[in-house]
PDB file of N, CA and C in Angstrom:
ATOM      1  N   MET A   1      91.454 207.353  13.690  1.00  0.00           N
ATOM      2  CA  MET A   1      90.040 207.212  13.996  1.00  0.00           C
ATOM      3  C   MET A   1      89.846 207.528  15.488  1.00  0.00           C
ATOM      4  N   THR A   2      88.859 208.335  15.780  1.00  0.00           N
ATOM      5  CA  THR A   2      88.586 208.690  17.176  1.00  0.00           C
ATOM      6  C   THR A   2      87.924 207.523  17.903  1.00  0.00           C
ATOM      7  N   GLU A   3      87.900 207.597  19.224  1.00  0.00           N
ATOM      8  CA  GLU A   3      87.247 206.550  20.026  1.00  0.00           C
ATOM      9  C   GLU A   3      85.757 206.468  19.694  1.00  0.00           C
ATOM     10  N   GLU A   4      85.136 207.599  19.491  1.00  0.00           N
ATOM     11  CA  GLU A   4      83.706 207.613  19.141  1.00  0.00           C
ATOM     12  C   GLU A   4      83.481 206.940  17.790  1.00  0.00           C
ATOM     13  N   GLU A   5      84.340 207.211  16.837  1.00  0.00           N
ATOM     14  CA  GLU A   5      84.218 206.574  15.517  1.00  0.00           C
ATOM     15  C   GLU A   5      84.417 205.061  15.628  1.00  0.00           C
ATOM     16  N   LYS A   6      85.347 204.630  16.450  1.00  0.00           N
ATOM     17  CA  LYS A   6      85.564 203.195  16.673  1.00  0.00           C
ATOM     18  C   LYS A   6      84.346 202.549  17.307  1.00  0.00           C
ATOM     19  N   ARG A   7      83.752 203.242  18.277  1.00  0.00           N
ATOM     20  CA  ARG A   7      82.542 202.722  18.934  1.00  0.00           C
ATOM     21  C   ARG A   7      81.388 202.601  17.942  1.00  0.00           C
ATOM     22  N   MET A   8      81.220 203.624  17.128  1.00  0.00           N
ATOM     23  CA  MET A   8      80.137 203.601  16.138  1.00  0.00           C
ATOM     24  C   MET A   8      80.364 202.503  15.098  1.00  0.00           C
ATOM     25  N   LEU A   9      81.597 202.314  14.682  1.00  0.00           N
ATOM     26  CA  LEU A   9      81.914 201.253  13.731  1.00  0.00           C
ATOM     27  C   LEU A   9      81.631 199.881  14.336  1.00  0.00           C
ATOM     28  N   ALA A  10      81.992 199.696  15.592  1.00  0.00           N
ATOM     29  CA  ALA A  10      81.714 198.428  16.275  1.00  0.00           C
ATOM     30  C   ALA A  10      80.206 198.172  16.366  1.00  0.00           C
ATOM     31  N   LEU A  11      79.434 199.208  16.694  1.00  0.00           N
ATOM     32  CA  LEU A  11      77.977 199.058  16.750  1.00  0.00           C
ATOM     33  C   LEU A  11      77.404 198.704  15.385  1.00  0.00           C
ATOM     34  N   PHE A  12      77.917 199.348  14.344  1.00  0.00           N
ATOM     35  CA  PHE A  12      77.441 199.063  12.985  1.00  0.00           C
ATOM     36  C   PHE A  12      77.735 197.608  12.608  1.00  0.00           C
ATOM     37  N   LYS A  13      78.930 197.133  12.933  1.00  0.00           N
ATOM     38  CA  LYS A  13      79.282 195.751  12.618  1.00  0.00           C
ATOM     39  C   LYS A  13      78.406 194.766  13.385  1.00  0.00           C
ATOM     40  N   THR A  14      78.096 195.080  14.637  1.00  0.00           N
ATOM     41  CA  THR A  14      77.195 194.244  15.435  1.00  0.00           C
ATOM     42  C   THR A  14      75.805 194.216  14.797  1.00  0.00           C
ATOM     43  N   PHE A  15      75.309 195.388  14.397  1.00  0.00           N
ATOM     44  CA  PHE A  15      74.010 195.484  13.732  1.00  0.00           C
ATOM     45  C   PHE A  15      74.009 194.631  12.464  1.00  0.00           C
ATOM     46  N   GLU A  16      75.076 194.744  11.690  1.00  0.00           N
ATOM     47  CA  GLU A  16      75.189 194.013  10.429  1.00  0.00           C
ATOM     48  C   GLU A  16      75.165 192.496  10.663  1.00  0.00           C
ATOM     49  N   ARG A  17      75.900 192.014  11.655  1.00  0.00           N
ATOM     50  CA  ARG A  17      75.912 190.574  11.967  1.00  0.00           C
ATOM     51  C   ARG A  17      74.525 190.099  12.401  1.00  0.00           C
ATOM     52  N   ASN A  18      73.850 190.878  13.236  1.00  0.00           N
ATOM     53  CA  ASN A  18      72.510 190.494  13.692  1.00  0.00           C
ATOM     54  C   ASN A  18      71.506 190.523  12.548  1.00  0.00           C
ATOM     55  N   ASP A  19      71.646 191.495  11.653  1.00  0.00           N
ATOM     56  CA  ASP A  19      70.765 191.580  10.486  1.00  0.00           C
ATOM     57  C   ASP A  19      70.955 190.362   9.585  1.00  0.00           C
ATOM     58  N   GLU A  20      72.198 189.981   9.340  1.00  0.00           N
ATOM     59  CA  GLU A  20      72.475 188.800   8.515  1.00  0.00           C
ATOM     60  C   GLU A  20      71.911 187.540   9.167  1.00  0.00           C
ATOM     61  N   TRP A  21      72.097 187.411  10.483  1.00  0.00           N
ATOM     62  CA  TRP A  21      71.577 186.250  11.193  1.00  0.00           C
ATOM     63  C   TRP A  21      70.051 186.191  11.091  1.00  0.00           C
ATOM     64  N   PHE A  22      69.408 187.343  11.298  1.00  0.00           N
ATOM     65  CA  PHE A  22      67.946 187.394  11.190  1.00  0.00           C
ATOM     66  C   PHE A  22      67.493 186.992   9.792  1.00  0.00           C
ATOM     67  N   SER A  23      68.153 187.513   8.779  1.00  0.00           N
ATOM     68  CA  SER A  23      67.782 187.182   7.394  1.00  0.00           C
ATOM     69  C   SER A  23      67.887 185.684   7.132  1.00  0.00           C
ATOM     70  N   LYS A  24      68.933 185.059   7.647  1.00  0.00           N
ATOM     71  CA  LYS A  24      69.120 183.616   7.454  1.00  0.00           C
ATOM     72  C   LYS A  24      68.051 182.802   8.177  1.00  0.00           C
ATOM     73  N   HIS A  25      67.519 183.322   9.271  1.00  0.00           N
ATOM     74  CA  HIS A  25      66.549 182.587  10.084  1.00  0.00           C
ATOM     75  C   HIS A  25      65.107 183.072   9.919  1.00  0.00           C
ATOM     76  N   PHE A  26      64.892 183.991   8.996  1.00  0.00           N
ATOM     77  CA  PHE A  26      63.560 184.578   8.833  1.00  0.00           C
ATOM     78  C   PHE A  26      62.483 183.513   8.626  1.00  0.00           C
ATOM     79  N   ASP A  27      62.761 182.538   7.756  1.00  0.00           N
ATOM     80  CA  ASP A  27      61.739 181.516   7.479  1.00  0.00           C
ATOM     81  C   ASP A  27      61.369 180.722   8.726  1.00  0.00           C
ATOM     82  N   GLU A  28      62.321 180.545   9.634  1.00  0.00           N
ATOM     83  CA  GLU A  28      62.028 179.835  10.884  1.00  0.00           C
ATOM     84  C   GLU A  28      61.084 180.643  11.769  1.00  0.00           C
ATOM     85  N   PHE A  29      61.231 181.955  11.725  1.00  0.00           N
ATOM     86  CA  PHE A  29      60.451 182.835  12.600  1.00  0.00           C
ATOM     87  C   PHE A  29      59.096 183.245  12.027  1.00  0.00           C
ATOM     88  N   LYS A  30      58.954 183.262  10.707  1.00  0.00           N
ATOM     89  CA  LYS A  30      57.779 183.914  10.120  1.00  0.00           C
ATOM     90  C   LYS A  30      56.449 183.292  10.518  1.00  0.00           C
ATOM     91  N   GLU A  31      56.394 181.998  10.715  1.00  0.00           N
ATOM     92  CA  GLU A  31      55.138 181.375  11.132  1.00  0.00           C
ATOM     93  C   GLU A  31      54.925 181.518  12.639  1.00  0.00           C
ATOM     94  N   GLU A  32      55.941 181.148  13.389  1.00  0.00           N
ATOM     95  CA  GLU A  32      55.850 181.119  14.846  1.00  0.00           C
ATOM     96  C   GLU A  32      55.752 182.517  15.459  1.00  0.00           C
ATOM     97  N   MET A  33      56.376 183.502  14.826  1.00  0.00           N
ATOM     98  CA  MET A  33      56.469 184.844  15.394  1.00  0.00           C
ATOM     99  C   MET A  33      55.682 185.886  14.592  1.00  0.00           C
ATOM    100  N   ALA A  34      54.754 185.442  13.777  1.00  0.00           N
ATOM    101  CA  ALA A  34      53.977 186.375  12.950  1.00  0.00           C
ATOM    102  C   ALA A  34      53.330 187.456  13.817  1.00  0.00           C
ATOM    103  N   GLY A  35      53.516 188.715  13.420  1.00  0.00           N
ATOM    104  CA  GLY A  35      52.926 189.835  14.133  1.00  0.00           C
ATOM    105  C   GLY A  35      53.715 190.282  15.356  1.00  0.00           C
ATOM    106  N   LYS A  36      54.884 189.712  15.572  1.00  0.00           N
ATOM    107  CA  LYS A  36      55.684 190.034  16.761  1.00  0.00           C
ATOM    108  C   LYS A  36      56.843 190.975  16.410  1.00  0.00           C
ATOM    109  N   VAL A  37      57.278 191.696  17.415  1.00  0.00           N
ATOM    110  CA  VAL A  37      58.491 192.505  17.337  1.00  0.00           C
ATOM    111  C   VAL A  37      59.576 191.703  18.042  1.00  0.00           C
ATOM    112  N   LEU A  38      60.729 191.558  17.385  1.00  0.00           N
ATOM    113  CA  LEU A  38      61.798 190.717  17.902  1.00  0.00           C
ATOM    114  C   LEU A  38      63.003 191.551  18.319  1.00  0.00           C
ATOM    115  N   ALA A  39      63.690 191.084  19.346  1.00  0.00           N
ATOM    116  CA  ALA A  39      64.954 191.678  19.780  1.00  0.00           C
ATOM    117  C   ALA A  39      66.024 190.612  19.624  1.00  0.00           C
ATOM    118  N   ILE A  40      67.092 190.964  18.911  1.00  0.00           N
ATOM    119  CA  ILE A  40      68.172 190.023  18.635  1.00  0.00           C
ATOM    120  C   ILE A  40      69.474 190.613  19.158  1.00  0.00           C
ATOM    121  N   LYS A  41      70.221 189.775  19.881  1.00  0.00           N
ATOM    122  CA  LYS A  41      71.506 190.198  20.422  1.00  0.00           C
ATOM    123  C   LYS A  41      72.497 189.051  20.226  1.00  0.00           C
ATOM    124  N   ASP A  42      73.668 189.386  19.722  1.00  0.00           N
ATOM    125  CA  ASP A  42      74.720 188.372  19.512  1.00  0.00           C
ATOM    126  C   ASP A  42      74.201 187.174  18.725  1.00  0.00           C
ATOM    127  N   GLN A  43      73.450 187.461  17.678  1.00  0.00           N
ATOM    128  CA  GLN A  43      72.889 186.449  16.782  1.00  0.00           C
ATOM    129  C   GLN A  43      72.002 185.439  17.511  1.00  0.00           C
ATOM    130  N   LYS A  44      71.251 185.937  18.499  1.00  0.00           N
ATOM    131  CA  LYS A  44      70.285 185.109  19.229  1.00  0.00           C
ATOM    132  C   LYS A  44      69.027 185.925  19.476  1.00  0.00           C
ATOM    133  N   LEU A  45      67.892 185.273  19.368  1.00  0.00           N
ATOM    134  CA  LEU A  45      66.620 185.903  19.716  1.00  0.00           C
ATOM    135  C   LEU A  45      66.534 185.987  21.232  1.00  0.00           C
ATOM    136  N   ILE A  46      66.411 187.213  21.761  1.00  0.00           N
ATOM    137  CA  ILE A  46      66.353 187.356  23.221  1.00  0.00           C
ATOM    138  C   ILE A  46      64.973 187.764  23.720  1.00  0.00           C
ATOM    139  N   ALA A  47      64.099 188.249  22.818  1.00  0.00           N
ATOM    140  CA  ALA A  47      62.741 188.610  23.239  1.00  0.00           C
ATOM    141  C   ALA A  47      61.845 188.730  22.010  1.00  0.00           C
ATOM    142  N   ALA A  48      60.575 188.431  22.206  1.00  0.00           N
ATOM    143  CA  ALA A  48      59.550 188.605  21.175  1.00  0.00           C
ATOM    144  C   ALA A  48      58.300 189.116  21.881  1.00  0.00           C
ATOM    145  N   LYS A  49      57.804 190.246  21.438  1.00  0.00           N
ATOM    146  CA  LYS A  49      56.635 190.868  22.058  1.00  0.00           C
ATOM    147  C   LYS A  49      55.678 191.363  20.978  1.00  0.00           C
ATOM    148  N   SER A  50      54.525 191.851  21.407  1.00  0.00           N
ATOM    149  CA  SER A  50      53.504 192.316  20.476  1.00  0.00           C
ATOM    150  C   SER A  50      53.713 193.741  19.983  1.00  0.00           C
ATOM    151  N   SER A  51      54.582 194.503  20.639  1.00  0.00           N
ATOM    152  CA  SER A  51      54.798 195.897  20.230  1.00  0.00           C
ATOM    153  C   SER A  51      56.223 196.344  20.542  1.00  0.00           C
ATOM    154  N   VAL A  52      56.629 197.409  19.903  1.00  0.00           N
ATOM    155  CA  VAL A  52      57.942 197.998  20.180  1.00  0.00           C
ATOM    156  C   VAL A  52      57.992 198.457  21.635  1.00  0.00           C
ATOM    157  N   LYS A  53      56.907 199.038  22.113  1.00  0.00           N
ATOM    158  CA  LYS A  53      56.866 199.494  23.504  1.00  0.00           C
ATOM    159  C   LYS A  53      57.151 198.336  24.457  1.00  0.00           C
ATOM    160  N   GLU A  54      56.525 197.179  24.225  1.00  0.00           N
ATOM    161  CA  GLU A  54      56.728 196.017  25.086  1.00  0.00           C
ATOM    162  C   GLU A  54      58.171 195.508  25.005  1.00  0.00           C
ATOM    163  N   ILE A  55      58.732 195.518  23.804  1.00  0.00           N
ATOM    164  CA  ILE A  55      60.134 195.088  23.639  1.00  0.00           C
ATOM    165  C   ILE A  55      61.049 196.016  24.423  1.00  0.00           C
ATOM    166  N   LEU A  56      60.853 197.321  24.274  1.00  0.00           N
ATOM    167  CA  LEU A  56      61.711 198.281  24.975  1.00  0.00           C
ATOM    168  C   LEU A  56      61.584 198.140  26.484  1.00  0.00           C
ATOM    169  N   GLU A  57      60.366 197.921  26.969  1.00  0.00           N
ATOM    170  CA  GLU A  57      60.161 197.716  28.404  1.00  0.00           C
ATOM    171  C   GLU A  57      60.878 196.455  28.878  1.00  0.00           C
ATOM    172  N   GLU A  58      60.792 195.389  28.094  1.00  0.00           N
ATOM    173  CA  GLU A  58      61.465 194.130  28.446  1.00  0.00           C
ATOM    174  C   GLU A  58      62.983 194.323  28.495  1.00  0.00           C
ATOM    175  N   LEU A  59      63.532 194.982  27.489  1.00  0.00           N
ATOM    176  CA  LEU A  59      64.974 195.190  27.435  1.00  0.00           C
ATOM    177  C   LEU A  59      65.438 196.093  28.578  1.00  0.00           C
ATOM    178  N   GLU A  60      64.643 197.096  28.873  1.00  0.00           N
ATOM    179  CA  GLU A  60      64.974 197.988  29.989  1.00  0.00           C
ATOM    180  C   GLU A  60      64.961 197.215  31.313  1.00  0.00           C
ATOM    181  N   SER A  61      63.992 196.338  31.493  1.00  0.00           N
ATOM    182  CA  SER A  61      63.916 195.564  32.746  1.00  0.00           C
ATOM    183  C   SER A  61      65.107 194.626  32.900  1.00  0.00           C
ATOM    184  N   ARG A  62      65.707 194.235  31.773  1.00  0.00           N
ATOM    185  CA  ARG A  62      66.896 193.374  31.801  1.00  0.00           C
ATOM    186  C   ARG A  62      68.197 194.186  31.854  1.00  0.00           C
ATOM    187  N   HIS A  63      68.063 195.492  31.828  1.00  0.00           N
ATOM    188  CA  HIS A  63      69.216 196.397  31.832  1.00  0.00           C
ATOM    189  C   HIS A  63      70.111 196.179  30.611  1.00  0.00           C
ATOM    190  N   GLU A  64      69.479 195.915  29.477  1.00  0.00           N
ATOM    191  CA  GLU A  64      70.214 195.728  28.223  1.00  0.00           C
ATOM    192  C   GLU A  64      70.620 197.086  27.654  1.00  0.00           C
ATOM    193  N   ASP A  65      71.747 197.120  26.972  1.00  0.00           N
ATOM    194  CA  ASP A  65      72.173 198.307  26.229  1.00  0.00           C
ATOM    195  C   ASP A  65      71.443 198.279  24.894  1.00  0.00           C
ATOM    196  N   ILE A  66      70.423 199.092  24.768  1.00  0.00           N
ATOM    197  CA  ILE A  66      69.547 199.054  23.587  1.00  0.00           C
ATOM    198  C   ILE A  66      70.315 199.346  22.299  1.00  0.00           C
ATOM    199  N   SER A  67      71.399 200.106  22.395  1.00  0.00           N
ATOM    200  CA  SER A  67      72.150 200.435  21.177  1.00  0.00           C
ATOM    201  C   SER A  67      72.790 199.199  20.558  1.00  0.00           C
ATOM    202  N   SER A  68      72.922 198.120  21.309  1.00  0.00           N
ATOM    203  CA  SER A  68      73.541 196.909  20.771  1.00  0.00           C
ATOM    204  C   SER A  68      72.514 195.837  20.395  1.00  0.00           C
ATOM    205  N   ILE A  69      71.241 196.172  20.467  1.00  0.00           N
ATOM    206  CA  ILE A  69      70.169 195.217  20.174  1.00  0.00           C
ATOM    207  C   ILE A  69      69.575 195.516  18.794  1.00  0.00           C
ATOM    208  N   TYR A  70      69.410 194.475  18.004  1.00  0.00           N
ATOM    209  CA  TYR A  70      68.756 194.580  16.695  1.00  0.00           C
ATOM    210  C   TYR A  70      67.265 194.327  16.933  1.00  0.00           C
ATOM    211  N   ILE A  71      66.442 195.311  16.600  1.00  0.00           N
ATOM    212  CA  ILE A  71      64.996 195.189  16.791  1.00  0.00           C
ATOM    213  C   ILE A  71      64.330 195.202  15.422  1.00  0.00           C
ATOM    214  N   THR A  72      63.479 194.215  15.196  1.00  0.00           N
ATOM    215  CA  THR A  72      62.795 194.091  13.911  1.00  0.00           C
ATOM    216  C   THR A  72      61.407 193.504  14.145  1.00  0.00           C
ATOM    217  N   ALA A  73      60.640 193.379  13.095  1.00  0.00           N
ATOM    218  CA  ALA A  73      59.276 192.847  13.231  1.00  0.00           C
ATOM    219  C   ALA A  73      59.005 191.818  12.145  1.00  0.00           C
ATOM    220  N   ILE A  74      58.150 190.877  12.487  1.00  0.00           N
ATOM    221  CA  ILE A  74      57.649 189.891  11.528  1.00  0.00           C
ATOM    222  C   ILE A  74      56.229 190.319  11.173  1.00  0.00           C
ATOM    223  N   PRO A  75      55.925 190.461   9.900  1.00  0.00           N
ATOM    224  CA  PRO A  75      54.555 190.865   9.550  1.00  0.00           C
ATOM    225  C   PRO A  75      53.522 189.829   9.996  1.00  0.00           C
ATOM    226  N   PRO A  76      52.320 190.284  10.324  1.00  0.00           N
ATOM    227  CA  PRO A  76      51.255 189.330  10.639  1.00  0.00           C
ATOM    228  C   PRO A  76      50.992 188.423   9.433  1.00  0.00           C
ATOM    229  N   LYS A  77      50.455 187.242   9.690  1.00  0.00           N
ATOM    230  CA  LYS A  77      50.123 186.321   8.585  1.00  0.00           C
ATOM    231  C   LYS A  77      49.206 187.025   7.591  1.00  0.00           C
ATOM    232  N   GLY A  78      49.493 186.817   6.318  1.00  0.00           N
ATOM    233  CA  GLY A  78      48.677 187.402   5.270  1.00  0.00           C
ATOM    234  C   GLY A  78      49.072 188.834   4.926  1.00  0.00           C
ATOM    235  N   MET A  79      50.125 189.342   5.543  1.00  0.00           N
ATOM    236  CA  MET A  79      50.558 190.718   5.294  1.00  0.00           C
ATOM    237  C   MET A  79      52.056 190.689   4.992  1.00  0.00           C
ATOM    238  N   ALA A  80      52.503 191.629   4.181  1.00  0.00           N
ATOM    239  CA  ALA A  80      53.936 191.746   3.886  1.00  0.00           C
ATOM    240  C   ALA A  80      54.372 193.173   4.087  1.00  0.00           C
ATOM    241  N   PHE A  81      55.617 193.337   4.470  1.00  0.00           N
ATOM    242  CA  PHE A  81      56.209 194.667   4.578  1.00  0.00           C
ATOM    243  C   PHE A  81      56.865 194.983   3.239  1.00  0.00           C
ATOM    244  N   ILE A  82      56.698 196.187   2.791  1.00  0.00           N
ATOM    245  CA  ILE A  82      57.369 196.647   1.571  1.00  0.00           C
ATOM    246  C   ILE A  82      58.462 197.607   1.991  1.00  0.00           C
ATOM    247  N   LEU A  83      59.687 197.271   1.646  1.00  0.00           N
ATOM    248  CA  LEU A  83      60.833 198.092   2.031  1.00  0.00           C
ATOM    249  C   LEU A  83      61.364 198.851   0.841  1.00  0.00           C
TER     250      LEU A  83
END
């Protein structure tokens, strides 16, 4: 496996862990964070903003490596996302 493949695999595993953590905590966030875009790193919520643009600006100001951040959204109250 090349170094690039190892890096990509590590990023995928990080994404997977953050996705699982978010799924387990979704009910905790859905009321409090309705309509927000969330940034999750190392299975912790690190930012919640009103738009993707605001999240990206916040992460950039913190000098975060965006490739390692799980970004997702909570639908506004009364609305659901269909995946």
